[in-house]
Amino acid sequence: MDTALDGRNGLLTGDIGSGKSTLVDAIITLLVPVQRIAYNKAAGADSRERSLRSYVLGHYKSERNESSTSAKPVALRDLNSYSVLLGVSVTSVTTRR
Protein backbone atom coordinates (compact mmCIF):
# COMPACT_ATOMS: atom_id res chain seq x y z
CA MET A 1 0.00 0.00 0.00
CA ASP A 2 1.47 3.35 -0.99
CA THR A 3 0.36 6.12 1.34
CA ALA A 4 2.81 8.82 0.25
CA LEU A 5 1.16 12.14 1.02
CA ASP A 6 4.25 14.27 0.40
CA GLY A 7 3.42 16.59 3.29
CA ARG A 8 -0.22 17.02 2.30
CA ASN A 9 -3.33 16.07 4.26
CA GLY A 10 -5.17 12.85 3.48
CA LEU A 11 -8.58 11.36 4.21
CA LEU A 12 -9.03 7.70 5.17
CA THR A 13 -12.50 6.44 4.25
CA GLY A 14 -14.20 3.08 3.82
CA ASP A 15 -17.08 0.86 4.83
CA ILE A 16 -17.49 -0.51 8.34
CA GLY A 17 -14.98 -3.31 8.85
CA SER A 18 -12.86 -2.33 5.84
CA GLY A 19 -9.69 -1.84 7.92
CA LYS A 20 -9.50 1.91 8.59
CA SER A 21 -8.83 1.45 12.33
CA THR A 22 -6.45 -1.43 11.58
CA LEU A 23 -4.38 0.83 9.33
CA VAL A 24 -4.29 3.55 12.00
CA ASP A 25 -3.33 0.92 14.62
CA ALA A 26 -0.47 -0.30 12.39
CA ILE A 27 0.91 3.22 12.04
CA ILE A 28 0.58 3.80 15.80
CA THR A 29 2.44 0.52 16.46
CA LEU A 30 5.39 1.84 14.46
CA LEU A 31 5.43 5.35 15.96
CA VAL A 32 4.30 5.16 19.60
CA PRO A 33 6.11 3.48 22.54
CA VAL A 34 4.38 0.18 23.40
CA GLN A 35 3.37 1.29 26.93
CA ARG A 36 1.44 4.27 25.49
CA ILE A 37 -0.44 2.52 22.66
CA ALA A 38 -4.25 2.48 22.80
CA TYR A 39 -5.39 0.20 19.97
CA ASN A 40 -8.64 0.84 18.14
CA LYS A 41 -8.80 4.32 19.67
CA ALA A 42 -9.88 5.71 16.28
CA ALA A 43 -13.06 3.63 16.58
CA GLY A 44 -13.74 4.89 20.12
CA ALA A 45 -12.61 1.73 21.92
CA ASP A 46 -11.67 1.49 25.59
CA SER A 47 -7.91 1.80 26.13
CA ARG A 48 -7.69 -1.79 27.48
CA GLU A 49 -9.86 -3.38 24.79
CA ARG A 50 -6.94 -4.50 22.60
CA SER A 51 -3.28 -5.32 23.15
CA LEU A 52 -0.35 -5.78 20.79
CA ARG A 53 -0.93 -9.55 20.98
CA SER A 54 -4.65 -9.32 20.19
CA TYR A 55 -3.93 -6.85 17.40
CA VAL A 56 -1.31 -9.11 15.77
CA LEU A 57 -3.53 -12.21 16.10
CA GLY A 58 -6.45 -10.29 14.60
CA HIS A 59 -9.01 -10.66 17.39
CA TYR A 60 -12.28 -9.37 16.04
CA LYS A 61 -14.97 -10.69 18.38
CA SER A 62 -15.59 -12.80 21.49
CA GLU A 63 -17.69 -15.95 21.68
CA ARG A 64 -19.29 -17.35 24.81
CA ASN A 65 -19.18 -21.07 25.50
CA GLU A 66 -22.60 -22.46 26.46
CA SER A 67 -21.16 -24.29 29.47
CA SER A 68 -19.16 -21.30 30.73
CA THR A 69 -19.81 -17.67 31.53
CA SER A 70 -16.46 -16.54 30.15
CA ALA A 71 -15.93 -15.28 26.60
CA LYS A 72 -13.12 -16.46 24.35
CA PRO A 73 -11.66 -14.16 21.67
CA VAL A 74 -11.90 -15.25 18.04
CA ALA A 75 -8.79 -14.51 15.97
CA LEU A 76 -8.04 -14.31 12.25
CA ARG A 77 -4.57 -15.84 12.79
CA ASP A 78 -3.28 -18.59 15.07
CA LEU A 79 -0.07 -18.76 17.11
CA ASN A 80 1.76 -20.35 14.16
CA SER A 81 1.24 -17.24 12.04
CA TYR A 82 3.36 -14.12 12.03
CA SER A 83 2.78 -10.52 11.03
CA VAL A 84 5.22 -7.94 9.77
CA LEU A 85 4.83 -4.18 9.87
CA LEU A 86 7.35 -2.28 7.82
CA GLY A 87 7.47 1.48 7.73
CA VAL A 88 9.78 3.55 5.59
CA SER A 89 10.36 7.18 6.42
CA VAL A 90 11.98 9.39 3.84
CA THR A 91 13.31 12.79 4.77
CA SER A 92 14.62 15.20 2.22
CA VAL A 93 17.70 17.10 3.33
CA THR A 94 18.64 20.44 1.88
CA THR A 95 22.29 21.36 2.00
CA ARG A 96 23.58 24.92 2.06
CA ARG A 97 26.64 26.02 0.18
PDB file of N, CA and C in Angstrom:
ATOM      1  N   MET A   1       0.845  -1.165   0.000  1.00  0.00           N
ATOM      2  CA  MET A   1       0.000   0.000   0.000  1.00  0.00           C
ATOM      3  C   MET A   1       0.896   1.236   0.000  1.00  0.00           C
ATOM      4  N   ASP A   2       0.695   2.114  -0.917  1.00  0.00           N
ATOM      5  CA  ASP A   2       1.468   3.350  -0.992  1.00  0.00           C
ATOM      6  C   ASP A   2       0.628   4.476  -0.419  1.00  0.00           C
ATOM      7  N   THR A   3       1.092   5.042   0.689  1.00  0.00           N
ATOM      8  CA  THR A   3       0.356   6.117   1.337  1.00  0.00           C
ATOM      9  C   THR A   3       1.154   7.411   1.337  1.00  0.00           C
ATOM     10  N   ALA A   4       1.982   7.611   0.319  1.00  0.00           N
ATOM     11  CA  ALA A   4       2.812   8.816   0.252  1.00  0.00           C
ATOM     12  C   ALA A   4       1.926  10.042   0.083  1.00  0.00           C
ATOM     13  N   LEU A   5       1.958  10.917   1.065  1.00  0.00           N
ATOM     14  CA  LEU A   5       1.165  12.141   1.016  1.00  0.00           C
ATOM     15  C   LEU A   5       2.016  13.357   0.691  1.00  0.00           C
ATOM     16  N   ASP A   6       3.324  13.182   0.723  1.00  0.00           N
ATOM     17  CA  ASP A   6       4.254  14.270   0.403  1.00  0.00           C
ATOM     18  C   ASP A   6       3.954  15.558   1.157  1.00  0.00           C
ATOM     19  N   GLY A   7       3.655  15.426   2.448  1.00  0.00           N
ATOM     20  CA  GLY A   7       3.425  16.592   3.287  1.00  0.00           C
ATOM     21  C   GLY A   7       2.022  17.159   3.210  1.00  0.00           C
ATOM     22  N   ARG A   8       1.168  16.540   2.423  1.00  0.00           N
ATOM     23  CA  ARG A   8      -0.219  17.020   2.296  1.00  0.00           C
ATOM     24  C   ARG A   8      -1.131  16.241   3.237  1.00  0.00           C
ATOM     25  N   ASN A   9      -2.323  16.772   3.460  1.00  0.00           N
ATOM     26  CA  ASN A   9      -3.331  16.074   4.260  1.00  0.00           C
ATOM     27  C   ASN A   9      -3.942  14.945   3.446  1.00  0.00           C
ATOM     28  N   GLY A  10      -4.497  13.960   4.141  1.00  0.00           N
ATOM     29  CA  GLY A  10      -5.172  12.854   3.483  1.00  0.00           C
ATOM     30  C   GLY A  10      -6.434  12.500   4.247  1.00  0.00           C
ATOM     31  N   LEU A  11      -7.326  11.784   3.600  1.00  0.00           N
ATOM     32  CA  LEU A  11      -8.576  11.358   4.210  1.00  0.00           C
ATOM     33  C   LEU A  11      -8.686   9.847   4.061  1.00  0.00           C
ATOM     34  N   LEU A  12      -8.904   9.159   5.160  1.00  0.00           N
ATOM     35  CA  LEU A  12      -9.025   7.702   5.168  1.00  0.00           C
ATOM     36  C   LEU A  12     -10.507   7.361   5.288  1.00  0.00           C
ATOM     37  N   THR A  13     -11.075   6.781   4.250  1.00  0.00           N
ATOM     38  CA  THR A  13     -12.500   6.443   4.254  1.00  0.00           C
ATOM     39  C   THR A  13     -12.694   4.988   3.872  1.00  0.00           C
ATOM     40  N   GLY A  14     -13.859   4.448   4.195  1.00  0.00           N
ATOM     41  CA  GLY A  14     -14.197   3.083   3.821  1.00  0.00           C
ATOM     42  C   GLY A  14     -15.396   2.590   4.600  1.00  0.00           C
ATOM     43  N   ASP A  15     -15.926   1.460   4.168  1.00  0.00           N
ATOM     44  CA  ASP A  15     -17.075   0.858   4.831  1.00  0.00           C
ATOM     45  C   ASP A  15     -16.701   0.357   6.217  1.00  0.00           C
ATOM     46  N   ILE A  16     -17.702   0.086   7.024  1.00  0.00           N
ATOM     47  CA  ILE A  16     -17.494  -0.509   8.339  1.00  0.00           C
ATOM     48  C   ILE A  16     -16.782  -1.845   8.158  1.00  0.00           C
ATOM     49  N   GLY A  17     -15.719  -2.054   8.919  1.00  0.00           N
ATOM     50  CA  GLY A  17     -14.983  -3.312   8.847  1.00  0.00           C
ATOM     51  C   GLY A  17     -13.998  -3.404   7.690  1.00  0.00           C
ATOM     52  N   SER A  18     -13.757  -2.286   7.006  1.00  0.00           N
ATOM     53  CA  SER A  18     -12.862  -2.329   5.843  1.00  0.00           C
ATOM     54  C   SER A  18     -11.389  -2.201   6.204  1.00  0.00           C
ATOM     55  N   GLY A  19     -11.078  -1.881   7.479  1.00  0.00           N
ATOM     56  CA  GLY A  19      -9.689  -1.841   7.916  1.00  0.00           C
ATOM     57  C   GLY A  19      -9.131  -0.465   8.208  1.00  0.00           C
ATOM     58  N   LYS A  20      -9.978   0.550   8.300  1.00  0.00           N
ATOM     59  CA  LYS A  20      -9.498   1.906   8.594  1.00  0.00           C
ATOM     60  C   LYS A  20      -8.794   1.956   9.948  1.00  0.00           C
ATOM     61  N   SER A  21      -9.430   1.447  10.983  1.00  0.00           N
ATOM     62  CA  SER A  21      -8.830   1.452  12.326  1.00  0.00           C
ATOM     63  C   SER A  21      -7.599   0.558  12.375  1.00  0.00           C
ATOM     64  N   THR A  22      -7.608  -0.534  11.626  1.00  0.00           N
ATOM     65  CA  THR A  22      -6.451  -1.426  11.580  1.00  0.00           C
ATOM     66  C   THR A  22      -5.250  -0.711  10.978  1.00  0.00           C
ATOM     67  N   LEU A  23      -5.467   0.065   9.933  1.00  0.00           N
ATOM     68  CA  LEU A  23      -4.376   0.831   9.330  1.00  0.00           C
ATOM     69  C   LEU A  23      -3.838   1.868  10.307  1.00  0.00           C
ATOM     70  N   VAL A  24      -4.723   2.571  11.002  1.00  0.00           N
ATOM     71  CA  VAL A  24      -4.290   3.550  12.004  1.00  0.00           C
ATOM     72  C   VAL A  24      -3.525   2.850  13.121  1.00  0.00           C
ATOM     73  N   ASP A  25      -4.016   1.692  13.571  1.00  0.00           N
ATOM     74  CA  ASP A  25      -3.329   0.921  14.622  1.00  0.00           C
ATOM     75  C   ASP A  25      -1.935   0.492  14.170  1.00  0.00           C
ATOM     76  N   ALA A  26      -1.784   0.107  12.908  1.00  0.00           N
ATOM     77  CA  ALA A  26      -0.468  -0.297  12.392  1.00  0.00           C
ATOM     78  C   ALA A  26       0.506   0.874  12.432  1.00  0.00           C
ATOM     79  N   ILE A  27       0.054   2.027  12.021  1.00  0.00           N
ATOM     80  CA  ILE A  27       0.910   3.219  12.044  1.00  0.00           C
ATOM     81  C   ILE A  27       1.281   3.574  13.476  1.00  0.00           C
ATOM     82  N   ILE A  28       0.313   3.507  14.386  1.00  0.00           N
ATOM     83  CA  ILE A  28       0.577   3.798  15.802  1.00  0.00           C
ATOM     84  C   ILE A  28       1.594   2.816  16.365  1.00  0.00           C
ATOM     85  N   THR A  29       1.502   1.537  15.986  1.00  0.00           N
ATOM     86  CA  THR A  29       2.445   0.522  16.458  1.00  0.00           C
ATOM     87  C   THR A  29       3.877   0.885  16.088  1.00  0.00           C
ATOM     88  N   LEU A  30       4.051   1.470  14.923  1.00  0.00           N
ATOM     89  CA  LEU A  30       5.392   1.840  14.463  1.00  0.00           C
ATOM     90  C   LEU A  30       5.901   3.130  15.102  1.00  0.00           C
ATOM     91  N   LEU A  31       5.017   4.018  15.523  1.00  0.00           N
ATOM     92  CA  LEU A  31       5.428   5.352  15.957  1.00  0.00           C
ATOM     93  C   LEU A  31       5.357   5.617  17.457  1.00  0.00           C
ATOM     94  N   VAL A  32       4.560   4.858  18.193  1.00  0.00           N
ATOM     95  CA  VAL A  32       4.299   5.158  19.602  1.00  0.00           C
ATOM     96  C   VAL A  32       4.942   4.090  20.487  1.00  0.00           C
ATOM     97  N   PRO A  33       5.550   4.478  21.616  1.00  0.00           N
ATOM     98  CA  PRO A  33       6.108   3.481  22.543  1.00  0.00           C
ATOM     99  C   PRO A  33       5.016   2.515  23.010  1.00  0.00           C
ATOM    100  N   VAL A  34       5.355   1.232  23.124  1.00  0.00           N
ATOM    101  CA  VAL A  34       4.378   0.177  23.404  1.00  0.00           C
ATOM    102  C   VAL A  34       3.542   0.450  24.657  1.00  0.00           C
ATOM    103  N   GLN A  35       4.119   1.042  25.691  1.00  0.00           N
ATOM    104  CA  GLN A  35       3.371   1.287  26.928  1.00  0.00           C
ATOM    105  C   GLN A  35       2.342   2.413  26.782  1.00  0.00           C
ATOM    106  N   ARG A  36       2.378   3.160  25.685  1.00  0.00           N
ATOM    107  CA  ARG A  36       1.440   4.269  25.486  1.00  0.00           C
ATOM    108  C   ARG A  36       0.415   4.002  24.389  1.00  0.00           C
ATOM    109  N   ILE A  37       0.467   2.833  23.772  1.00  0.00           N
ATOM    110  CA  ILE A  37      -0.438   2.520  22.663  1.00  0.00           C
ATOM    111  C   ILE A  37      -1.838   2.211  23.181  1.00  0.00           C
ATOM    112  N   ALA A  38      -2.834   2.788  22.542  1.00  0.00           N
ATOM    113  CA  ALA A  38      -4.247   2.479  22.798  1.00  0.00           C
ATOM    114  C   ALA A  38      -4.847   2.037  21.472  1.00  0.00           C
ATOM    115  N   TYR A  39      -4.887   0.727  21.237  1.00  0.00           N
ATOM    116  CA  TYR A  39      -5.388   0.204  19.972  1.00  0.00           C
ATOM    117  C   TYR A  39      -6.874   0.460  19.797  1.00  0.00           C
ATOM    118  N   ASN A  40      -7.266   0.631  18.555  1.00  0.00           N
ATOM    119  CA  ASN A  40      -8.644   0.841  18.144  1.00  0.00           C
ATOM    120  C   ASN A  40      -9.227   2.127  18.709  1.00  0.00           C
ATOM    121  N   LYS A  41      -8.372   3.045  19.110  1.00  0.00           N
ATOM    122  CA  LYS A  41      -8.803   4.322  19.666  1.00  0.00           C
ATOM    123  C   LYS A  41      -9.583   5.126  18.624  1.00  0.00           C
ATOM    124  N   ALA A  42      -9.196   4.986  17.355  1.00  0.00           N
ATOM    125  CA  ALA A  42      -9.882   5.706  16.283  1.00  0.00           C
ATOM    126  C   ALA A  42     -11.351   5.308  16.192  1.00  0.00           C
ATOM    127  N   ALA A  43     -11.672   4.106  16.619  1.00  0.00           N
ATOM    128  CA  ALA A  43     -13.058   3.629  16.582  1.00  0.00           C
ATOM    129  C   ALA A  43     -13.767   3.849  17.917  1.00  0.00           C
ATOM    130  N   GLY A  44     -13.123   4.570  18.841  1.00  0.00           N
ATOM    131  CA  GLY A  44     -13.739   4.892  20.124  1.00  0.00           C
ATOM    132  C   GLY A  44     -13.669   3.767  21.141  1.00  0.00           C
ATOM    133  N   ALA A  45     -12.717   2.866  21.009  1.00  0.00           N
ATOM    134  CA  ALA A  45     -12.605   1.728  21.918  1.00  0.00           C
ATOM    135  C   ALA A  45     -11.998   2.131  23.255  1.00  0.00           C
ATOM    136  N   ASP A  46     -12.285   1.335  24.270  1.00  0.00           N
ATOM    137  CA  ASP A  46     -11.674   1.491  25.588  1.00  0.00           C
ATOM    138  C   ASP A  46     -10.179   1.219  25.465  1.00  0.00           C
ATOM    139  N   SER A  47      -9.371   1.917  26.252  1.00  0.00           N
ATOM    140  CA  SER A  47      -7.914   1.799  26.127  1.00  0.00           C
ATOM    141  C   SER A  47      -7.392   0.385  26.426  1.00  0.00           C
ATOM    142  N   ARG A  48      -8.137  -0.431  27.149  1.00  0.00           N
ATOM    143  CA  ARG A  48      -7.690  -1.787  27.475  1.00  0.00           C
ATOM    144  C   ARG A  48      -8.375  -2.849  26.603  1.00  0.00           C
ATOM    145  N   GLU A  49      -9.108  -2.429  25.612  1.00  0.00           N
ATOM    146  CA  GLU A  49      -9.857  -3.380  24.792  1.00  0.00           C
ATOM    147  C   GLU A  49      -8.948  -4.274  23.957  1.00  0.00           C
ATOM    148  N   ARG A  50      -7.856  -3.730  23.435  1.00  0.00           N
ATOM    149  CA  ARG A  50      -6.938  -4.505  22.596  1.00  0.00           C
ATOM    150  C   ARG A  50      -5.508  -4.320  23.069  1.00  0.00           C
ATOM    151  N   SER A  51      -4.708  -5.353  22.819  1.00  0.00           N
ATOM    152  CA  SER A  51      -3.283  -5.324  23.150  1.00  0.00           C
ATOM    153  C   SER A  51      -2.501  -5.576  21.871  1.00  0.00           C
ATOM    154  N   LEU A  52      -1.174  -5.467  21.946  1.00  0.00           N
ATOM    155  CA  LEU A  52      -0.346  -5.782  20.785  1.00  0.00           C
ATOM    156  C   LEU A  52      -0.596  -7.227  20.345  1.00  0.00           C
ATOM    157  N   ARG A  53      -0.690  -8.135  21.297  1.00  0.00           N
ATOM    158  CA  ARG A  53      -0.933  -9.551  20.975  1.00  0.00           C
ATOM    159  C   ARG A  53      -2.271  -9.732  20.272  1.00  0.00           C
ATOM    160  N   SER A  54      -3.339  -9.152  20.809  1.00  0.00           N
ATOM    161  CA  SER A  54      -4.652  -9.318  20.185  1.00  0.00           C
ATOM    162  C   SER A  54      -4.712  -8.634  18.828  1.00  0.00           C
ATOM    163  N   TYR A  55      -3.992  -7.540  18.686  1.00  0.00           N
ATOM    164  CA  TYR A  55      -3.926  -6.847  17.401  1.00  0.00           C
ATOM    165  C   TYR A  55      -3.225  -7.715  16.344  1.00  0.00           C
ATOM    166  N   VAL A  56      -2.082  -8.287  16.713  1.00  0.00           N
ATOM    167  CA  VAL A  56      -1.315  -9.108  15.771  1.00  0.00           C
ATOM    168  C   VAL A  56      -2.082 -10.389  15.412  1.00  0.00           C
ATOM    169  N   LEU A  57      -2.762 -10.992  16.386  1.00  0.00           N
ATOM    170  CA  LEU A  57      -3.532 -12.205  16.103  1.00  0.00           C
ATOM    171  C   LEU A  57      -4.834 -11.917  15.365  1.00  0.00           C
ATOM    172  N   GLY A  58      -5.243 -10.667  15.325  1.00  0.00           N
ATOM    173  CA  GLY A  58      -6.450 -10.290  14.597  1.00  0.00           C
ATOM    174  C   GLY A  58      -7.743 -10.612  15.322  1.00  0.00           C
ATOM    175  N   HIS A  59      -7.768 -10.432  16.650  1.00  0.00           N
ATOM    176  CA  HIS A  59      -9.006 -10.663  17.394  1.00  0.00           C
ATOM    177  C   HIS A  59     -10.072  -9.689  16.897  1.00  0.00           C
ATOM    178  N   TYR A  60     -11.230 -10.234  16.565  1.00  0.00           N
ATOM    179  CA  TYR A  60     -12.282  -9.369  16.042  1.00  0.00           C
ATOM    180  C   TYR A  60     -13.625  -9.520  16.743  1.00  0.00           C
ATOM    181  N   LYS A  61     -13.765 -10.535  17.581  1.00  0.00           N
ATOM    182  CA  LYS A  61     -14.974 -10.688  18.384  1.00  0.00           C
ATOM    183  C   LYS A  61     -14.702 -11.684  19.499  1.00  0.00           C
ATOM    184  N   SER A  62     -15.656 -11.811  20.417  1.00  0.00           N
ATOM    185  CA  SER A  62     -15.592 -12.803  21.488  1.00  0.00           C
ATOM    186  C   SER A  62     -16.799 -13.712  21.386  1.00  0.00           C
ATOM    187  N   GLU A  63     -16.593 -14.986  21.681  1.00  0.00           N
ATOM    188  CA  GLU A  63     -17.693 -15.951  21.683  1.00  0.00           C
ATOM    189  C   GLU A  63     -17.811 -16.574  23.061  1.00  0.00           C
ATOM    190  N   ARG A  64     -19.043 -16.723  23.520  1.00  0.00           N
ATOM    191  CA  ARG A  64     -19.294 -17.353  24.812  1.00  0.00           C
ATOM    192  C   ARG A  64     -19.558 -18.839  24.614  1.00  0.00           C
ATOM    193  N   ASN A  65     -18.947 -19.632  25.487  1.00  0.00           N
ATOM    194  CA  ASN A  65     -19.182 -21.066  25.504  1.00  0.00           C
ATOM    195  C   ASN A  65     -20.471 -21.312  26.273  1.00  0.00           C
ATOM    196  N   GLU A  66     -21.317 -22.206  25.793  1.00  0.00           N
ATOM    197  CA  GLU A  66     -22.598 -22.464  26.455  1.00  0.00           C
ATOM    198  C   GLU A  66     -22.441 -22.981  27.881  1.00  0.00           C
ATOM    199  N   SER A  67     -21.363 -23.718  28.145  1.00  0.00           N
ATOM    200  CA  SER A  67     -21.155 -24.291  29.473  1.00  0.00           C
ATOM    201  C   SER A  67     -20.376 -23.375  30.409  1.00  0.00           C
ATOM    202  N   SER A  68     -19.977 -22.202  29.916  1.00  0.00           N
ATOM    203  CA  SER A  68     -19.164 -21.298  30.728  1.00  0.00           C
ATOM    204  C   SER A  68     -19.700 -19.873  30.599  1.00  0.00           C
ATOM    205  N   THR A  69     -19.398 -19.067  31.591  1.00  0.00           N
ATOM    206  CA  THR A  69     -19.812 -17.667  31.534  1.00  0.00           C
ATOM    207  C   THR A  69     -18.733 -16.778  30.924  1.00  0.00           C
ATOM    208  N   SER A  70     -17.550 -17.347  30.693  1.00  0.00           N
ATOM    209  CA  SER A  70     -16.459 -16.542  30.148  1.00  0.00           C
ATOM    210  C   SER A  70     -16.524 -16.509  28.622  1.00  0.00           C
ATOM    211  N   ALA A  71     -15.971 -15.448  28.056  1.00  0.00           N
ATOM    212  CA  ALA A  71     -15.930 -15.279  26.601  1.00  0.00           C
ATOM    213  C   ALA A  71     -14.514 -15.537  26.104  1.00  0.00           C
ATOM    214  N   LYS A  72     -14.414 -16.164  24.951  1.00  0.00           N
ATOM    215  CA  LYS A  72     -13.117 -16.463  24.345  1.00  0.00           C
ATOM    216  C   LYS A  72     -12.979 -15.647  23.067  1.00  0.00           C
ATOM    217  N   PRO A  73     -11.837 -14.951  22.891  1.00  0.00           N
ATOM    218  CA  PRO A  73     -11.663 -14.160  21.671  1.00  0.00           C
ATOM    219  C   PRO A  73     -11.513 -15.046  20.436  1.00  0.00           C
ATOM    220  N   VAL A  74     -12.030 -14.561  19.323  1.00  0.00           N
ATOM    221  CA  VAL A  74     -11.902 -15.250  18.041  1.00  0.00           C
ATOM    222  C   VAL A  74     -10.889 -14.464  17.217  1.00  0.00           C
ATOM    223  N   ALA A  75      -9.891 -15.169  16.676  1.00  0.00           N
ATOM    224  CA  ALA A  75      -8.792 -14.510  15.966  1.00  0.00           C
ATOM    225  C   ALA A  75      -8.764 -14.911  14.490  1.00  0.00           C
ATOM    226  N   LEU A  76      -8.236 -14.033  13.671  1.00  0.00           N
ATOM    227  CA  LEU A  76      -8.036 -14.314  12.253  1.00  0.00           C
ATOM    228  C   LEU A  76      -6.807 -15.188  12.022  1.00  0.00           C
ATOM    229  N   ARG A  77      -5.821 -15.093  12.931  1.00  0.00           N
ATOM    230  CA  ARG A  77      -4.569 -15.836  12.793  1.00  0.00           C
ATOM    231  C   ARG A  77      -4.334 -16.658  14.058  1.00  0.00           C
ATOM    232  N   ASP A  78      -3.612 -17.781  13.911  1.00  0.00           N
ATOM    233  CA  ASP A  78      -3.284 -18.593  15.075  1.00  0.00           C
ATOM    234  C   ASP A  78      -1.849 -18.292  15.523  1.00  0.00           C
ATOM    235  N   LEU A  79      -1.402 -19.005  16.551  1.00  0.00           N
ATOM    236  CA  LEU A  79      -0.070 -18.757  17.107  1.00  0.00           C
ATOM    237  C   LEU A  79       1.058 -19.189  16.178  1.00  0.00           C
ATOM    238  N   ASN A  80       0.751 -19.943  15.134  1.00  0.00           N
ATOM    239  CA  ASN A  80       1.764 -20.354  14.161  1.00  0.00           C
ATOM    240  C   ASN A  80       1.947 -19.327  13.042  1.00  0.00           C
ATOM    241  N   SER A  81       1.146 -18.292  13.048  1.00  0.00           N
ATOM    242  CA  SER A  81       1.242 -17.235  12.040  1.00  0.00           C
ATOM    243  C   SER A  81       2.170 -16.134  12.535  1.00  0.00           C
ATOM    244  N   TYR A  82       2.595 -15.290  11.627  1.00  0.00           N
ATOM    245  CA  TYR A  82       3.360 -14.117  12.026  1.00  0.00           C
ATOM    246  C   TYR A  82       2.933 -12.934  11.182  1.00  0.00           C
ATOM    247  N   SER A  83       3.131 -11.760  11.718  1.00  0.00           N
ATOM    248  CA  SER A  83       2.782 -10.520  11.028  1.00  0.00           C
ATOM    249  C   SER A  83       4.005  -9.628  10.974  1.00  0.00           C
ATOM    250  N   VAL A  84       4.102  -8.867   9.934  1.00  0.00           N
ATOM    251  CA  VAL A  84       5.220  -7.941   9.766  1.00  0.00           C
ATOM    252  C   VAL A  84       4.664  -6.565   9.450  1.00  0.00           C
ATOM    253  N   LEU A  85       5.144  -5.574  10.176  1.00  0.00           N
ATOM    254  CA  LEU A  85       4.833  -4.183   9.872  1.00  0.00           C
ATOM    255  C   LEU A  85       6.136  -3.526   9.467  1.00  0.00           C
ATOM    256  N   LEU A  86       6.153  -2.939   8.313  1.00  0.00           N
ATOM    257  CA  LEU A  86       7.353  -2.284   7.822  1.00  0.00           C
ATOM    258  C   LEU A  86       6.997  -0.856   7.448  1.00  0.00           C
ATOM    259  N   GLY A  87       7.668   0.080   8.058  1.00  0.00           N
ATOM    260  CA  GLY A  87       7.465   1.482   7.730  1.00  0.00           C
ATOM    261  C   GLY A  87       8.751   2.077   7.200  1.00  0.00           C
ATOM    262  N   VAL A  88       8.626   2.872   6.176  1.00  0.00           N
ATOM    263  CA  VAL A  88       9.778   3.550   5.592  1.00  0.00           C
ATOM    264  C   VAL A  88       9.528   5.047   5.696  1.00  0.00           C
ATOM    265  N   SER A  89      10.452   5.733   6.295  1.00  0.00           N
ATOM    266  CA  SER A  89      10.359   7.183   6.425  1.00  0.00           C
ATOM    267  C   SER A  89      11.444   7.816   5.568  1.00  0.00           C
ATOM    268  N   VAL A  90      11.033   8.720   4.720  1.00  0.00           N
ATOM    269  CA  VAL A  90      11.977   9.393   3.840  1.00  0.00           C
ATOM    270  C   VAL A  90      11.981  10.874   4.193  1.00  0.00           C
ATOM    271  N   THR A  91      13.156  11.382   4.448  1.00  0.00           N
ATOM    272  CA  THR A  91      13.313  12.793   4.773  1.00  0.00           C
ATOM    273  C   THR A  91      14.216  13.423   3.738  1.00  0.00           C
ATOM    274  N   SER A  92      13.744  14.500   3.166  1.00  0.00           N
ATOM    275  CA  SER A  92      14.616  15.201   2.219  1.00  0.00           C
ATOM    276  C   SER A  92      15.483  16.185   2.999  1.00  0.00           C
ATOM    277  N   VAL A  93      16.740  16.225   2.644  1.00  0.00           N
ATOM    278  CA  VAL A  93      17.699  17.096   3.327  1.00  0.00           C
ATOM    279  C   VAL A  93      18.198  18.119   2.324  1.00  0.00           C
ATOM    280  N   THR A  94      18.137  19.362   2.721  1.00  0.00           N
ATOM    281  CA  THR A  94      18.639  20.442   1.879  1.00  0.00           C
ATOM    282  C   THR A  94      19.989  20.879   2.435  1.00  0.00           C
ATOM    283  N   THR A  95      20.963  20.930   1.575  1.00  0.00           N
ATOM    284  CA  THR A  95      22.288  21.355   2.003  1.00  0.00           C
ATOM    285  C   THR A  95      22.535  22.796   1.552  1.00  0.00           C
ATOM    286  N   ARG A  96      23.232  23.535   2.375  1.00  0.00           N
ATOM    287  CA  ARG A  96      23.583  24.925   2.057  1.00  0.00           C
ATOM    288  C   ARG A  96      25.021  24.963   1.583  1.00  0.00           C
ATOM    289  N   ARG A  97      25.269  25.843   0.657  1.00  0.00           N
ATOM    290  CA  ARG A  97      26.637  26.019   0.176  1.00  0.00           C
ATOM    291  C   ARG A  97      27.195  27.336   0.605  1.00  0.00           C
TER     292      ARG A  97
END
